[in-house]
Amino acid sequence: MIDFHSLYKNNSEFPQKLLSLTDCPKSLHIAGRIDPSDNLALAVVGSRKMSSYGKEVCRDIVSKIVTRHVTIVSGFMYGVDIAAHNTAFEFGGRTIGVLGFGADFVGNVPDIKLAEAIVKEDRGALITEFNLDQAPQQWTFPKRDRIISALANAVLVIEAAEKSGTFYTVEACVQQGKDVLAVPGSIYSDVSKGCHKLIEDGARIVKSAEDVIEALGILSTSSNPPAINNTSLSYDEECVLKLLDQVGILVDDIIVKSEMQSSTVLSSLTALEMKGFIREVGGGMYRRI
């Protein structure tokens, strides 16, 4: 049994990333909990009829990404969706499933036991913007895709056919100014044709988990962080830097916690990024290097 509760837009627990949407939902139905650490997230999407190659790639990339404290967001349906959620959970990560129907139809998900475990073990959440009794329809899934993208810092397409529904998520990602990542596949595979088209159109090609880590702005394990010389920082820059960690924090949260003017925070963030102390990871969020 999965219990959902309502979360309204003015609630402090409402996902802050959704507030930037022009059509932000007034409320969500949520099971589980969205944690501050979920600010650093990757949407993993693709074909419902994934190949064995797609399964292997998804497992390899997601299993490595979650060790870097990246939350995996997807649509909790068949194929790439459920493979991404399963792998994130198996390897100790957090994962958020965005449903394309009301909570009364949660039994439609391909792995109800996984859904229950995510909620019970506080390893993420299931969320939906739809009324409880909204049945899955052809229009509900494209509508929820903007939320999948909004919750993430980038969207990774594992596999997609030439006319895949995955492109709704990709379109939302582009409109939100975030990176689209795509995995290349065989030229003979129908479920890779969509990825090849995305790469032709400028999507970032992903050949390994390290490519995703770089795209998210996470410091590679093989890299050395710059030594911190506080004498090179102004008082305001030091105050802002102390609020940042390697998970990431939204600009609005920095302004609230620092009690500084927004202009001061923004100029400090720019200076810190130029000096190599922090990095912008998308969605109005910065993280410490």
C-alpha atoms as a PDB file:
ATOM      1  CA  MET A   1       0.000   0.000   0.000  1.00  0.00           C
ATOM      2  CA  ILE A   2       1.426   3.363  -1.046  1.00  0.00           C
ATOM      3  CA  ASP A   3       0.056   6.436   0.712  1.00  0.00           C
ATOM      4  CA  PHE A   4       0.125   9.760  -1.107  1.00  0.00           C
ATOM      5  CA  HIS A   5      -0.293  13.157   0.512  1.00  0.00           C
ATOM      6  CA  SER A   6      -0.917  16.566  -1.015  1.00  0.00           C
ATOM      7  CA  LEU A   7       1.860  19.121  -1.248  1.00  0.00           C
ATOM      8  CA  TYR A   8       0.882  22.665  -2.162  1.00  0.00           C
ATOM      9  CA  LYS A   9       2.939  25.230  -4.020  1.00  0.00           C
ATOM     10  CA  ASN A  10       3.330  27.474  -0.952  1.00  0.00           C
ATOM     11  CA  ASN A  11       4.669  24.594   1.170  1.00  0.00           C
ATOM     12  CA  SER A  12       8.392  24.757   1.955  1.00  0.00           C
ATOM     13  CA  GLU A  13       8.714  21.077   0.955  1.00  0.00           C
ATOM     14  CA  PHE A  14       7.364  21.731  -2.550  1.00  0.00           C
ATOM     15  CA  PRO A  15      10.163  21.090  -5.097  1.00  0.00           C
ATOM     16  CA  GLN A  16      11.720  24.505  -5.660  1.00  0.00           C
ATOM     17  CA  LYS A  17      12.866  23.623  -9.165  1.00  0.00           C
ATOM     18  CA  LEU A  18       9.250  23.390 -10.316  1.00  0.00           C
ATOM     19  CA  LEU A  19       8.539  26.997  -9.351  1.00  0.00           C
ATOM     20  CA  SER A  20      10.389  28.206 -12.445  1.00  0.00           C
ATOM     21  CA  LEU A  21       7.838  26.503 -14.713  1.00  0.00           C
ATOM     22  CA  THR A  22       5.397  28.905 -16.357  1.00  0.00           C
ATOM     23  CA  ASP A  23       2.722  26.274 -15.763  1.00  0.00           C
ATOM     24  CA  CYS A  24       3.916  25.121 -12.358  1.00  0.00           C
ATOM     25  CA  PRO A  25       1.340  22.813 -10.739  1.00  0.00           C
ATOM     26  CA  LYS A  26      -0.531  24.353  -7.813  1.00  0.00           C
ATOM     27  CA  SER A  27      -0.134  21.108  -5.923  1.00  0.00           C
ATOM     28  CA  LEU A  28       1.376  17.645  -6.140  1.00  0.00           C
ATOM     29  CA  HIS A  29       0.413  14.269  -4.757  1.00  0.00           C
ATOM     30  CA  ILE A  30       3.535  12.701  -3.315  1.00  0.00           C
ATOM     31  CA  ALA A  31       4.501   9.412  -1.714  1.00  0.00           C
ATOM     32  CA  GLY A  32       7.854   9.434   0.013  1.00  0.00           C
ATOM     33  CA  ARG A  33       9.992  12.516   0.371  1.00  0.00           C
ATOM     34  CA  ILE A  34      12.031  14.864  -1.779  1.00  0.00           C
ATOM     35  CA  ASP A  35      15.306  15.593  -0.012  1.00  0.00           C
ATOM     36  CA  PRO A  36      17.591  18.640  -0.400  1.00  0.00           C
ATOM     37  CA  SER A  37      20.191  16.272  -1.872  1.00  0.00           C
ATOM     38  CA  ASP A  38      17.788  15.670  -4.775  1.00  0.00           C
ATOM     39  CA  ASN A  39      18.738  19.127  -6.068  1.00  0.00           C
ATOM     40  CA  LEU A  40      21.502  17.355  -8.002  1.00  0.00           C
ATOM     41  CA  ALA A  41      19.585  15.048 -10.315  1.00  0.00           C
ATOM     42  CA  LEU A  42      19.763  13.378 -13.704  1.00  0.00           C
ATOM     43  CA  ALA A  43      16.706  12.456 -15.744  1.00  0.00           C
ATOM     44  CA  VAL A  44      17.208   9.100 -17.458  1.00  0.00           C
ATOM     45  CA  VAL A  45      14.678   8.442 -20.206  1.00  0.00           C
ATOM     46  CA  GLY A  46      14.181   6.443 -23.373  1.00  0.00           C
ATOM     47  CA  SER A  47      12.407   3.647 -25.146  1.00  0.00           C
ATOM     48  CA  ARG A  48       9.864   1.406 -23.421  1.00  0.00           C
ATOM     49  CA  LYS A  49      11.207  -1.408 -25.619  1.00  0.00           C
ATOM     50  CA  MET A  50      14.877  -1.144 -24.787  1.00  0.00           C
ATOM     51  CA  SER A  51      17.457  -3.531 -26.218  1.00  0.00           C
ATOM     52  CA  SER A  52      19.917  -5.657 -24.258  1.00  0.00           C
ATOM     53  CA  TYR A  53      22.533  -3.041 -25.180  1.00  0.00           C
ATOM     54  CA  GLY A  54      20.339  -0.309 -23.693  1.00  0.00           C
ATOM     55  CA  LYS A  55      19.890  -2.298 -20.485  1.00  0.00           C
ATOM     56  CA  GLU A  56      23.637  -2.773 -20.170  1.00  0.00           C
ATOM     57  CA  VAL A  57      24.405   0.899 -20.802  1.00  0.00           C
ATOM     58  CA  CYS A  58      21.683   2.099 -18.420  1.00  0.00           C
ATOM     59  CA  ARG A  59      22.914  -0.149 -15.632  1.00  0.00           C
ATOM     60  CA  ASP A  60      26.551   0.806 -16.138  1.00  0.00           C
ATOM     61  CA  ILE A  61      25.966   4.566 -16.191  1.00  0.00           C
ATOM     62  CA  VAL A  62      23.312   4.813 -13.468  1.00  0.00           C
ATOM     63  CA  SER A  63      25.198   2.534 -11.059  1.00  0.00           C
ATOM     64  CA  LYS A  64      28.225   4.835 -11.281  1.00  0.00           C
ATOM     65  CA  ILE A  65      26.299   8.098 -11.253  1.00  0.00           C
ATOM     66  CA  VAL A  66      24.440   7.368  -7.999  1.00  0.00           C
ATOM     67  CA  THR A  67      27.742   6.843  -6.183  1.00  0.00           C
ATOM     68  CA  ARG A  68      28.326  10.551  -6.836  1.00  0.00           C
ATOM     69  CA  HIS A  69      25.127  11.399  -4.925  1.00  0.00           C
ATOM     70  CA  VAL A  70      23.105  12.135  -8.051  1.00  0.00           C
ATOM     71  CA  THR A  71      19.366  11.410  -7.807  1.00  0.00           C
ATOM     72  CA  ILE A  72      17.830   9.592 -10.773  1.00  0.00           C
ATOM     73  CA  VAL A  73      14.532  10.957 -12.113  1.00  0.00           C
ATOM     74  CA  SER A  74      12.320   9.121 -14.587  1.00  0.00           C
ATOM     75  CA  GLY A  75       8.722   8.262 -15.432  1.00  0.00           C
ATOM     76  CA  PHE A  76       8.361   4.902 -13.642  1.00  0.00           C
ATOM     77  CA  MET A  77       7.066   3.087 -16.714  1.00  0.00           C
ATOM     78  CA  TYR A  78       8.457   0.244 -18.806  1.00  0.00           C
ATOM     79  CA  GLY A  79      11.842   0.018 -20.492  1.00  0.00           C
ATOM     80  CA  VAL A  80      14.469   2.634 -19.706  1.00  0.00           C
ATOM     81  CA  ASP A  81      12.341   4.217 -16.949  1.00  0.00           C
ATOM     82  CA  ILE A  82      12.071   1.203 -14.688  1.00  0.00           C
ATOM     83  CA  ALA A  83      15.625   0.045 -15.478  1.00  0.00           C
ATOM     84  CA  ALA A  84      16.964   3.409 -14.289  1.00  0.00           C
ATOM     85  CA  HIS A  85      14.864   3.394 -11.098  1.00  0.00           C
ATOM     86  CA  ASN A  86      15.815  -0.215 -10.328  1.00  0.00           C
ATOM     87  CA  THR A  87      19.524   0.364 -10.820  1.00  0.00           C
ATOM     88  CA  ALA A  88      19.529   3.536  -8.725  1.00  0.00           C
ATOM     89  CA  PHE A  89      17.793   1.705  -5.877  1.00  0.00           C
ATOM     90  CA  GLU A  90      19.984  -1.403  -6.164  1.00  0.00           C
ATOM     91  CA  PHE A  91      23.181   0.619  -5.914  1.00  0.00           C
ATOM     92  CA  GLY A  92      22.090   2.669  -2.913  1.00  0.00           C
ATOM     93  CA  GLY A  93      20.988   5.827  -4.686  1.00  0.00           C
ATOM     94  CA  ARG A  94      17.895   7.971  -4.515  1.00  0.00           C
ATOM     95  CA  THR A  95      15.293   8.042  -7.258  1.00  0.00           C
ATOM     96  CA  ILE A  96      12.138  10.011  -8.085  1.00  0.00           C
ATOM     97  CA  GLY A  97       9.342   8.630 -10.242  1.00  0.00           C
ATOM     98  CA  VAL A  98       7.060  11.155 -11.953  1.00  0.00           C
ATOM     99  CA  LEU A  99       3.763   9.456 -12.747  1.00  0.00           C
ATOM    100  CA  GLY A 100       1.674  10.126 -15.830  1.00  0.00           C
ATOM    101  CA  PHE A 101      -1.604   9.440 -14.020  1.00  0.00           C
ATOM    102  CA  GLY A 102      -3.356   9.939 -10.696  1.00  0.00           C
ATOM    103  CA  ALA A 103      -2.311   8.198  -7.492  1.00  0.00           C
ATOM    104  CA  ASP A 104      -5.347   5.881  -7.611  1.00  0.00           C
ATOM    105  CA  PHE A 105      -3.710   4.190 -10.608  1.00  0.00           C
ATOM    106  CA  VAL A 106      -0.291   3.612  -9.024  1.00  0.00           C
ATOM    107  CA  GLY A 107      -0.916  -0.113  -9.483  1.00  0.00           C
ATOM    108  CA  ASN A 108      -0.230   0.471 -13.196  1.00  0.00           C
ATOM    109  CA  VAL A 109       3.509   0.849 -12.605  1.00  0.00           C
ATOM    110  CA  PRO A 110       5.608  -2.081 -13.847  1.00  0.00           C
ATOM    111  CA  ASP A 111       7.189  -2.799 -10.438  1.00  0.00           C
ATOM    112  CA  ILE A 112       4.912  -1.986  -7.508  1.00  0.00           C
ATOM    113  CA  LYS A 113       7.291  -3.670  -5.034  1.00  0.00           C
ATOM    114  CA  LEU A 114      10.070  -1.313  -6.069  1.00  0.00           C
ATOM    115  CA  ALA A 115       7.721   1.654  -5.695  1.00  0.00           C
ATOM    116  CA  GLU A 116       6.776   0.512  -2.192  1.00  0.00           C
ATOM    117  CA  ALA A 117      10.426  -0.024  -1.232  1.00  0.00           C
ATOM    118  CA  ILE A 118      11.475   3.442  -2.415  1.00  0.00           C
ATOM    119  CA  VAL A 119       8.817   5.018  -0.196  1.00  0.00           C
ATOM    120  CA  LYS A 120       9.260   2.704   2.795  1.00  0.00           C
ATOM    121  CA  GLU A 121      13.056   2.982   2.891  1.00  0.00           C
ATOM    122  CA  ASP A 122      13.088   6.767   2.302  1.00  0.00           C
ATOM    123  CA  ARG A 123      15.029   6.419  -0.928  1.00  0.00           C
ATOM    124  CA  GLY A 124      13.105   8.939  -2.972  1.00  0.00           C
ATOM    125  CA  ALA A 125       9.531   9.622  -3.992  1.00  0.00           C
ATOM    126  CA  LEU A 126       6.677   9.074  -6.394  1.00  0.00           C
ATOM    127  CA  ILE A 127       4.954  12.273  -7.470  1.00  0.00           C
ATOM    128  CA  THR A 128       2.067  13.252  -9.709  1.00  0.00           C
ATOM    129  CA  GLU A 129       0.379  16.535 -10.544  1.00  0.00           C
ATOM    130  CA  PHE A 130      -2.832  14.819 -11.640  1.00  0.00           C
ATOM    131  CA  ASN A 131      -6.038  14.394  -9.662  1.00  0.00           C
ATOM    132  CA  LEU A 132      -6.210  11.127  -7.753  1.00  0.00           C
ATOM    133  CA  ASP A 133      -8.709   9.596 -10.180  1.00  0.00           C
ATOM    134  CA  GLN A 134      -6.999  10.674 -13.411  1.00  0.00           C
ATOM    135  CA  ALA A 135      -6.523   7.549 -15.531  1.00  0.00           C
ATOM    136  CA  PRO A 136      -3.475   7.254 -17.799  1.00  0.00           C
ATOM    137  CA  GLN A 137      -4.241   8.834 -21.170  1.00  0.00           C
ATOM    138  CA  GLN A 138      -2.253   9.601 -24.291  1.00  0.00           C
ATOM    139  CA  TRP A 139      -1.964  13.277 -23.250  1.00  0.00           C
ATOM    140  CA  THR A 140      -1.016  12.737 -19.603  1.00  0.00           C
ATOM    141  CA  PHE A 141       2.466  11.363 -20.277  1.00  0.00           C
ATOM    142  CA  PRO A 142       3.710  14.261 -22.454  1.00  0.00           C
ATOM    143  CA  LYS A 143       2.307  16.645 -19.832  1.00  0.00           C
ATOM    144  CA  ARG A 144       4.272  15.045 -16.983  1.00  0.00           C
ATOM    145  CA  ASP A 145       7.515  15.068 -19.011  1.00  0.00           C
ATOM    146  CA  ARG A 146       8.171  18.766 -18.304  1.00  0.00           C
ATOM    147  CA  ILE A 147       8.257  17.896 -14.597  1.00  0.00           C
ATOM    148  CA  ILE A 148      10.781  15.110 -15.162  1.00  0.00           C
ATOM    149  CA  SER A 149      13.027  17.611 -16.922  1.00  0.00           C
ATOM    150  CA  ALA A 150      12.432  20.400 -14.390  1.00  0.00           C
ATOM    151  CA  LEU A 151      13.506  18.203 -11.474  1.00  0.00           C
ATOM    152  CA  ALA A 152      16.773  17.321 -13.221  1.00  0.00           C
ATOM    153  CA  ASN A 153      19.950  19.188 -14.083  1.00  0.00           C
ATOM    154  CA  ALA A 154      20.244  17.382 -17.415  1.00  0.00           C
ATOM    155  CA  VAL A 155      18.392  14.727 -19.407  1.00  0.00           C
ATOM    156  CA  LEU A 156      20.115  11.532 -20.555  1.00  0.00           C
ATOM    157  CA  VAL A 157      18.490   9.572 -23.398  1.00  0.00           C
ATOM    158  CA  ILE A 158      19.625   5.936 -23.313  1.00  0.00           C
ATOM    159  CA  GLU A 159      17.699   4.726 -26.372  1.00  0.00           C
ATOM    160  CA  ALA A 160      14.929   6.228 -28.485  1.00  0.00           C
ATOM    161  CA  ALA A 161      13.270   5.471 -31.780  1.00  0.00           C
ATOM    162  CA  GLU A 162      13.007   8.126 -34.465  1.00  0.00           C
ATOM    163  CA  LYS A 163       9.505   9.124 -33.339  1.00  0.00           C
ATOM    164  CA  SER A 164       9.763   8.370 -29.636  1.00  0.00           C
ATOM    165  CA  GLY A 165       7.676   9.932 -26.881  1.00  0.00           C
ATOM    166  CA  THR A 166      11.035  10.623 -25.249  1.00  0.00           C
ATOM    167  CA  PHE A 167      11.256  13.752 -27.388  1.00  0.00           C
ATOM    168  CA  TYR A 168       8.608  15.430 -25.218  1.00  0.00           C
ATOM    169  CA  THR A 169      11.084  15.315 -22.331  1.00  0.00           C
ATOM    170  CA  VAL A 170      13.904  16.464 -24.597  1.00  0.00           C
ATOM    171  CA  GLU A 171      11.835  19.408 -25.832  1.00  0.00           C
ATOM    172  CA  ALA A 172      11.071  20.442 -22.248  1.00  0.00           C
ATOM    173  CA  CYS A 173      14.753  20.136 -21.388  1.00  0.00           C
ATOM    174  CA  VAL A 174      15.761  22.446 -24.241  1.00  0.00           C
ATOM    175  CA  GLN A 175      13.071  24.980 -23.324  1.00  0.00           C
ATOM    176  CA  GLN A 176      14.347  24.964 -19.737  1.00  0.00           C
ATOM    177  CA  GLY A 177      17.905  25.637 -20.897  1.00  0.00           C
ATOM    178  CA  LYS A 178      19.381  22.346 -19.733  1.00  0.00           C
ATOM    179  CA  ASP A 179      21.777  19.912 -21.377  1.00  0.00           C
ATOM    180  CA  VAL A 180      20.508  16.999 -23.446  1.00  0.00           C
ATOM    181  CA  LEU A 181      22.791  13.948 -23.361  1.00  0.00           C
ATOM    182  CA  ALA A 182      22.437  10.967 -25.695  1.00  0.00           C
ATOM    183  CA  VAL A 183      23.995   7.511 -25.950  1.00  0.00           C
ATOM    184  CA  PRO A 184      25.028   6.400 -29.457  1.00  0.00           C
ATOM    185  CA  GLY A 185      24.118   2.901 -30.603  1.00  0.00           C
ATOM    186  CA  SER A 186      24.233   0.623 -33.597  1.00  0.00           C
ATOM    187  CA  ILE A 187      23.357   2.149 -36.973  1.00  0.00           C
ATOM    188  CA  TYR A 188      21.145  -0.903 -37.478  1.00  0.00           C
ATOM    189  CA  SER A 189      19.133  -0.396 -34.295  1.00  0.00           C
ATOM    190  CA  ASP A 190      15.752   1.315 -34.588  1.00  0.00           C
ATOM    191  CA  VAL A 191      15.880   2.300 -30.899  1.00  0.00           C
ATOM    192  CA  SER A 192      19.119   4.217 -31.457  1.00  0.00           C
ATOM    193  CA  LYS A 193      17.932   6.311 -34.411  1.00  0.00           C
ATOM    194  CA  GLY A 194      16.415   8.914 -32.101  1.00  0.00           C
ATOM    195  CA  CYS A 195      19.663   9.242 -30.148  1.00  0.00           C
ATOM    196  CA  HIS A 196      21.656   9.648 -33.347  1.00  0.00           C
ATOM    197  CA  LYS A 197      19.293  12.412 -34.462  1.00  0.00           C
ATOM    198  CA  LEU A 198      19.718  14.165 -31.106  1.00  0.00           C
ATOM    199  CA  ILE A 199      23.502  13.982 -31.417  1.00  0.00           C
ATOM    200  CA  GLU A 200      23.287  15.407 -34.952  1.00  0.00           C
ATOM    201  CA  ASP A 201      21.199  18.258 -33.550  1.00  0.00           C
ATOM    202  CA  GLY A 202      23.770  19.086 -30.880  1.00  0.00           C
ATOM    203  CA  ALA A 203      23.067  16.789 -27.940  1.00  0.00           C
ATOM    204  CA  ARG A 204      26.107  15.908 -25.895  1.00  0.00           C
ATOM    205  CA  ILE A 205      27.377  12.439 -26.792  1.00  0.00           C
ATOM    206  CA  VAL A 206      27.753  10.030 -23.871  1.00  0.00           C
ATOM    207  CA  LYS A 207      30.279   7.212 -24.177  1.00  0.00           C
ATOM    208  CA  SER A 208      30.743   6.586 -20.458  1.00  0.00           C
ATOM    209  CA  ALA A 209      29.566   7.601 -17.001  1.00  0.00           C
ATOM    210  CA  GLU A 210      32.452  10.078 -16.882  1.00  0.00           C
ATOM    211  CA  ASP A 211      30.851  12.019 -19.734  1.00  0.00           C
ATOM    212  CA  VAL A 212      27.702  12.420 -17.628  1.00  0.00           C
ATOM    213  CA  ILE A 213      29.701  13.368 -14.552  1.00  0.00           C
ATOM    214  CA  GLU A 214      31.469  16.061 -16.565  1.00  0.00           C
ATOM    215  CA  ALA A 215      28.188  17.352 -18.008  1.00  0.00           C
ATOM    216  CA  LEU A 216      26.712  17.660 -14.521  1.00  0.00           C
ATOM    217  CA  GLY A 217      29.719  19.640 -13.374  1.00  0.00           C
ATOM    218  CA  ILE A 218      30.781  17.066 -10.810  1.00  0.00           C
ATOM    219  CA  LEU A 219      34.477  16.970 -10.084  1.00  0.00           C
ATOM    220  CA  SER A 220      35.985  13.834 -11.585  1.00  0.00           C
ATOM    221  CA  THR A 221      37.573  11.410  -9.119  1.00  0.00           C
ATOM    222  CA  SER A 222      40.751  11.722 -11.157  1.00  0.00           C
ATOM    223  CA  SER A 223      40.857  15.500 -10.810  1.00  0.00           C
ATOM    224  CA  ASN A 224      42.352  17.530  -8.018  1.00  0.00           C
ATOM    225  CA  PRO A 225      40.281  20.389  -6.572  1.00  0.00           C
ATOM    226  CA  PRO A 226      41.902  23.807  -6.451  1.00  0.00           C
ATOM    227  CA  ALA A 227      43.548  24.671  -3.170  1.00  0.00           C
ATOM    228  CA  ILE A 228      41.469  27.160  -1.255  1.00  0.00           C
ATOM    229  CA  ASN A 229      43.299  30.365  -0.510  1.00  0.00           C
ATOM    230  CA  ASN A 230      40.864  32.409   1.532  1.00  0.00           C
ATOM    231  CA  THR A 231      43.058  35.471   1.218  1.00  0.00           C
ATOM    232  CA  SER A 232      41.931  35.697  -2.417  1.00  0.00           C
ATOM    233  CA  LEU A 233      38.275  35.931  -1.383  1.00  0.00           C
ATOM    234  CA  SER A 234      36.276  38.901  -0.228  1.00  0.00           C
ATOM    235  CA  TYR A 235      34.198  38.702   2.943  1.00  0.00           C
ATOM    236  CA  ASP A 236      30.990  38.255   0.924  1.00  0.00           C
ATOM    237  CA  GLU A 237      32.558  35.538  -1.220  1.00  0.00           C
ATOM    238  CA  GLU A 238      33.696  33.630   1.880  1.00  0.00           C
ATOM    239  CA  CYS A 239      30.197  33.820   3.372  1.00  0.00           C
ATOM    240  CA  VAL A 240      28.629  32.473   0.185  1.00  0.00           C
ATOM    241  CA  LEU A 241      31.269  29.745  -0.235  1.00  0.00           C
ATOM    242  CA  LYS A 242      30.600  28.429   3.283  1.00  0.00           C
ATOM    243  CA  LEU A 243      26.973  27.790   2.325  1.00  0.00           C
ATOM    244  CA  LEU A 244      27.864  25.626  -0.665  1.00  0.00           C
ATOM    245  CA  ASP A 245      28.626  21.917  -0.612  1.00  0.00           C
ATOM    246  CA  GLN A 246      29.343  19.261  -3.259  1.00  0.00           C
ATOM    247  CA  VAL A 247      25.661  18.388  -3.618  1.00  0.00           C
ATOM    248  CA  GLY A 248      24.522  21.835  -4.676  1.00  0.00           C
ATOM    249  CA  ILE A 249      22.205  24.608  -3.539  1.00  0.00           C
ATOM    250  CA  LEU A 250      19.755  26.881  -5.338  1.00  0.00           C
ATOM    251  CA  VAL A 251      20.534  30.592  -5.674  1.00  0.00           C
ATOM    252  CA  ASP A 252      17.282  31.518  -3.908  1.00  0.00           C
ATOM    253  CA  ASP A 253      18.271  29.346  -0.937  1.00  0.00           C
ATOM    254  CA  ILE A 254      21.701  30.998  -0.785  1.00  0.00           C
ATOM    255  CA  ILE A 255      20.056  34.430  -0.664  1.00  0.00           C
ATOM    256  CA  VAL A 256      17.733  33.358   2.161  1.00  0.00           C
ATOM    257  CA  LYS A 257      20.438  31.636   4.228  1.00  0.00           C
ATOM    258  CA  SER A 258      23.054  34.355   3.759  1.00  0.00           C
ATOM    259  CA  GLU A 259      20.581  37.210   4.402  1.00  0.00           C
ATOM    260  CA  MET A 260      22.458  39.159   1.725  1.00  0.00           C
ATOM    261  CA  GLN A 261      21.100  41.255  -1.109  1.00  0.00           C
ATOM    262  CA  SER A 262      20.459  39.189  -4.230  1.00  0.00           C
ATOM    263  CA  SER A 263      22.857  41.370  -6.241  1.00  0.00           C
ATOM    264  CA  THR A 264      25.643  40.697  -3.714  1.00  0.00           C
ATOM    265  CA  VAL A 265      25.041  36.943  -3.823  1.00  0.00           C
ATOM    266  CA  LEU A 266      24.999  36.870  -7.626  1.00  0.00           C
ATOM    267  CA  SER A 267      28.215  38.884  -7.950  1.00  0.00           C
ATOM    268  CA  SER A 268      29.886  36.666  -5.326  1.00  0.00           C
ATOM    269  CA  LEU A 269      28.823  33.513  -7.189  1.00  0.00           C
ATOM    270  CA  THR A 270      30.237  34.895 -10.428  1.00  0.00           C
ATOM    271  CA  ALA A 271      33.541  35.720  -8.742  1.00  0.00           C
ATOM    272  CA  LEU A 272      33.763  32.318  -7.027  1.00  0.00           C
ATOM    273  CA  GLU A 273      33.108  30.532 -10.313  1.00  0.00           C
ATOM    274  CA  MET A 274      35.789  32.561 -12.094  1.00  0.00           C
ATOM    275  CA  LYS A 275      38.256  31.731  -9.303  1.00  0.00           C
ATOM    276  CA  GLY A 276      37.519  28.011  -9.643  1.00  0.00           C
ATOM    277  CA  PHE A 277      35.852  27.403  -6.273  1.00  0.00           C
ATOM    278  CA  ILE A 278      32.344  26.597  -7.486  1.00  0.00           C
ATOM    279  CA  ARG A 279      30.488  25.507 -10.593  1.00  0.00           C
ATOM    280  CA  GLU A 280      27.003  26.157 -11.913  1.00  0.00           C
ATOM    281  CA  VAL A 281      25.242  22.837 -12.535  1.00  0.00           C
ATOM    282  CA  GLY A 282      22.032  24.127 -14.118  1.00  0.00           C
ATOM    283  CA  GLY A 283      18.575  24.950 -12.872  1.00  0.00           C
ATOM    284  CA  GLY A 284      19.804  27.956 -10.886  1.00  0.00           C
ATOM    285  CA  MET A 285      21.979  25.756  -8.674  1.00  0.00           C
ATOM    286  CA  TYR A 286      25.650  25.971  -7.719  1.00  0.00           C
ATOM    287  CA  ARG A 287      27.930  23.427  -6.079  1.00  0.00           C
ATOM    288  CA  ARG A 288      31.335  23.581  -4.476  1.00  0.00           C
ATOM    289  CA  ILE A 289      34.245  21.972  -6.318  1.00  0.00           C
END
